[in-house]
Amino acid sequence: MLVSSLVAWEGSKVRLAKVGGKEFSAHSRTFTMLLGDTAFTWADRYQRDEFGELVYGEVWDEEAGGWEQSLNDGEGGYKGAYINAPLENSAFDINQEQVKRSDRRDEWTPVALLEEVHVRVDASVVVDGYVSPSETAGLGTYSEEPTRIHCMEIRSPYDSKKGYAVALCLRD
């Protein structure tokens, strides 16, 4: 999928937006936040309920309960205790390499939810105008009706060889 193409949601995926589409955005590589990026842990390490909330339970923690000098023939040691903690998913493998989403760019398509975004547009789009999907899948065109994509600036003028201009838009 080309960066800055208009996209529409289809279930939990996106496709190139076409004329008449209601909810659309743009494929962005200038996102401010990548939702679902798990930089420090495996995404499905812990069990979750049907609403995505972590499932907690009693888990033995060797270091909980404080230090007890009388343990281990006077050498001391932690007493250990049960603590309330997220329950690990049985499929979690601590030895499996964690590759965060932002390092697997070929597996997902970031889209603008609320931000500035570069959009491929046709020659009809003007500054302060609205953008909607055109007859050409993924390409934006001028809209007389308000949309959630508003053109703030034309960054690259329309090039007939490329078939698009680049507009800096606000997705709200």
Protein backbone atom coordinates (compact mmCIF):
# COMPACT_ATOMS: atom_id res chain seq x y z
CA MET A 1 0.00 0.00 0.00
CA LEU A 2 1.41 3.38 -0.96
CA VAL A 3 2.20 5.81 1.85
CA SER A 4 -0.26 8.75 1.97
CA SER A 5 -3.00 6.81 0.17
CA LEU A 6 -6.54 7.26 1.45
CA VAL A 7 -7.72 4.12 3.21
CA ALA A 8 -11.06 2.83 4.50
CA TRP A 9 -11.73 0.36 7.28
CA GLU A 10 -12.92 -3.13 6.47
CA GLY A 11 -13.35 -4.92 9.77
CA SER A 12 -10.04 -4.65 11.61
CA LYS A 13 -8.09 -4.13 8.37
CA VAL A 14 -7.78 -1.26 5.91
CA ARG A 15 -8.08 -1.13 2.13
CA LEU A 16 -7.67 1.66 -0.41
CA ALA A 17 -10.62 4.04 -0.07
CA LYS A 18 -13.03 4.43 -2.96
CA VAL A 19 -15.54 7.14 -3.83
CA GLY A 20 -18.60 7.02 -1.59
CA GLY A 21 -16.73 5.59 1.39
CA LYS A 22 -17.93 7.00 4.72
CA GLU A 23 -15.14 6.46 7.23
CA PHE A 24 -11.68 6.94 5.82
CA SER A 25 -8.20 8.08 6.79
CA ALA A 26 -4.71 8.04 5.27
CA HIS A 27 -1.79 5.61 5.43
CA SER A 28 0.82 7.50 7.45
CA ARG A 29 4.51 7.08 8.24
CA THR A 30 4.60 10.24 10.38
CA PHE A 31 2.44 8.90 13.23
CA THR A 32 2.96 10.35 16.70
CA MET A 33 1.96 7.16 18.48
CA LEU A 34 1.74 3.59 17.30
CA LEU A 35 -1.14 1.88 19.05
CA GLY A 36 -0.47 -1.70 20.09
CA ASP A 37 3.32 -1.33 19.99
CA THR A 38 4.73 -3.48 22.80
CA ALA A 39 8.34 -2.44 23.00
CA PHE A 40 9.11 -4.13 26.31
CA THR A 41 7.03 -7.31 26.42
CA TRP A 42 5.33 -9.87 24.23
CA ALA A 43 1.88 -8.52 23.28
CA ASP A 44 -0.03 -11.58 24.49
CA ARG A 45 2.16 -12.40 27.49
CA TYR A 46 -0.73 -12.07 29.95
CA GLN A 47 -4.27 -13.44 29.94
CA ARG A 48 -7.05 -10.97 29.13
CA ASP A 49 -10.81 -11.13 29.55
CA GLU A 50 -13.35 -10.57 26.78
CA PHE A 51 -12.97 -6.77 27.14
CA GLY A 52 -9.17 -6.80 26.92
CA GLU A 53 -8.57 -6.23 30.63
CA LEU A 54 -5.75 -8.13 32.33
CA VAL A 55 -6.79 -11.20 34.34
CA TYR A 56 -5.23 -11.24 37.83
CA GLY A 57 -4.68 -14.10 40.22
CA GLU A 58 -2.56 -15.31 43.13
CA VAL A 59 1.04 -15.97 42.01
CA TRP A 60 3.96 -17.19 44.15
CA ASP A 61 6.79 -14.64 44.26
CA GLU A 62 10.09 -15.90 45.69
CA GLU A 63 11.21 -12.39 46.69
CA ALA A 64 7.94 -11.22 48.24
CA GLY A 65 7.47 -11.45 51.99
CA GLY A 66 10.77 -9.84 52.89
CA TRP A 67 14.18 -11.11 53.90
CA GLU A 68 14.47 -13.65 56.68
CA GLN A 69 17.98 -14.08 58.13
CA SER A 70 17.13 -17.41 59.82
CA LEU A 71 16.47 -19.17 56.50
CA ASN A 72 19.04 -21.37 54.73
CA ASP A 73 21.00 -22.30 57.87
CA GLY A 74 21.49 -18.68 58.89
CA GLU A 75 22.56 -17.54 55.41
CA GLY A 76 19.25 -15.75 55.03
CA GLY A 77 16.81 -15.61 52.16
CA TYR A 78 13.51 -14.27 50.98
CA LYS A 79 10.43 -15.77 52.64
CA GLY A 80 8.36 -15.64 49.48
CA ALA A 81 4.64 -14.99 49.37
CA TYR A 82 1.62 -15.10 47.14
CA ILE A 83 0.90 -11.81 45.39
CA ASN A 84 -1.94 -10.63 43.16
CA ALA A 85 -0.44 -10.29 39.66
CA PRO A 86 -1.43 -10.63 35.99
CA LEU A 87 -1.69 -14.30 34.99
CA GLU A 88 0.64 -15.39 32.20
CA ASN A 89 -0.77 -16.77 28.96
CA SER A 90 0.07 -20.48 28.66
CA ALA A 91 1.32 -19.86 25.09
CA PHE A 92 3.91 -17.32 26.30
CA ASP A 93 7.50 -18.45 25.75
CA ILE A 94 10.12 -16.39 27.60
CA ASN A 95 12.76 -17.68 25.16
CA GLN A 96 10.93 -16.38 22.09
CA GLU A 97 12.45 -13.18 20.69
CA GLN A 98 10.29 -10.09 21.24
CA VAL A 99 10.02 -8.07 18.01
CA LYS A 100 8.00 -4.93 18.60
CA ARG A 101 5.33 -3.88 16.10
CA SER A 102 7.27 -0.80 15.00
CA ASP A 103 10.06 -3.12 13.78
CA ARG A 104 7.62 -5.29 11.74
CA ARG A 105 6.47 -2.62 9.28
CA ASP A 106 5.50 -5.11 6.56
CA GLU A 107 2.81 -6.65 8.81
CA TRP A 108 0.61 -3.60 9.42
CA THR A 109 -0.54 -0.29 7.94
CA PRO A 110 -0.43 2.75 10.23
CA VAL A 111 -3.29 5.18 9.67
CA ALA A 112 -3.92 8.69 10.93
CA LEU A 113 -6.55 8.78 13.65
CA LEU A 114 -6.09 12.38 14.78
CA GLU A 115 -3.08 14.19 13.41
CA GLU A 116 -1.41 15.90 10.49
CA VAL A 117 -0.99 13.50 7.59
CA HIS A 118 0.36 13.66 4.04
CA VAL A 119 -2.25 12.62 1.47
CA ARG A 120 -1.99 11.78 -2.23
CA VAL A 121 -4.59 13.99 -3.94
CA ASP A 122 -5.69 14.97 -7.43
CA ALA A 123 -5.40 18.49 -8.90
CA SER A 124 -8.83 19.57 -7.58
CA VAL A 125 -7.79 19.77 -3.90
CA VAL A 126 -7.22 23.30 -2.55
CA VAL A 127 -5.89 24.74 0.70
CA ASP A 128 -8.69 25.00 3.31
CA GLY A 129 -10.78 22.52 1.31
CA TYR A 130 -11.97 19.08 2.36
CA VAL A 131 -10.72 15.79 0.92
CA SER A 132 -12.69 12.63 0.15
CA PRO A 133 -11.94 9.43 -1.80
CA SER A 134 -11.94 9.78 -5.60
CA GLU A 135 -12.77 7.36 -8.41
CA THR A 136 -9.10 6.28 -8.27
CA ALA A 137 -8.69 3.99 -5.24
CA GLY A 138 -6.51 5.58 -2.56
CA LEU A 139 -6.40 9.04 -4.18
CA GLY A 140 -8.07 12.04 -2.53
CA THR A 141 -10.19 14.62 -4.34
CA TYR A 142 -11.87 17.92 -3.42
CA SER A 143 -15.10 17.59 -1.44
CA GLU A 144 -17.75 20.28 -1.18
CA GLU A 145 -19.11 18.51 1.89
CA PRO A 146 -17.11 18.64 5.14
CA THR A 147 -15.07 15.48 5.81
CA ARG A 148 -12.64 14.50 8.54
CA ILE A 149 -9.67 15.35 6.29
CA HIS A 150 -8.98 19.07 5.81
CA CYS A 151 -6.22 20.34 3.46
CA MET A 152 -3.84 22.74 5.21
CA GLU A 153 -1.12 22.99 2.56
CA ILE A 154 -0.17 21.61 -0.85
CA ARG A 155 3.33 20.24 -0.27
CA SER A 156 3.98 19.03 -3.82
CA PRO A 157 1.98 20.33 -6.78
CA TYR A 158 0.06 17.96 -9.02
CA ASP A 159 2.37 16.00 -11.32
CA SER A 160 0.61 14.35 -14.26
CA LYS A 161 3.42 11.79 -14.63
CA LYS A 162 2.96 10.65 -11.02
CA GLY A 163 -0.79 11.14 -11.10
CA TYR A 164 -1.01 12.98 -7.78
CA ALA A 165 -0.11 16.00 -5.66
CA VAL A 166 0.84 15.75 -1.98
CA ALA A 167 -1.28 17.68 0.51
CA LEU A 168 -0.58 18.17 4.21
CA CYS A 169 -3.95 17.56 5.83
CA LEU A 170 -5.42 17.47 9.29
CA ARG A 171 -7.35 14.30 10.17
CA ASP A 172 -9.82 15.15 12.93
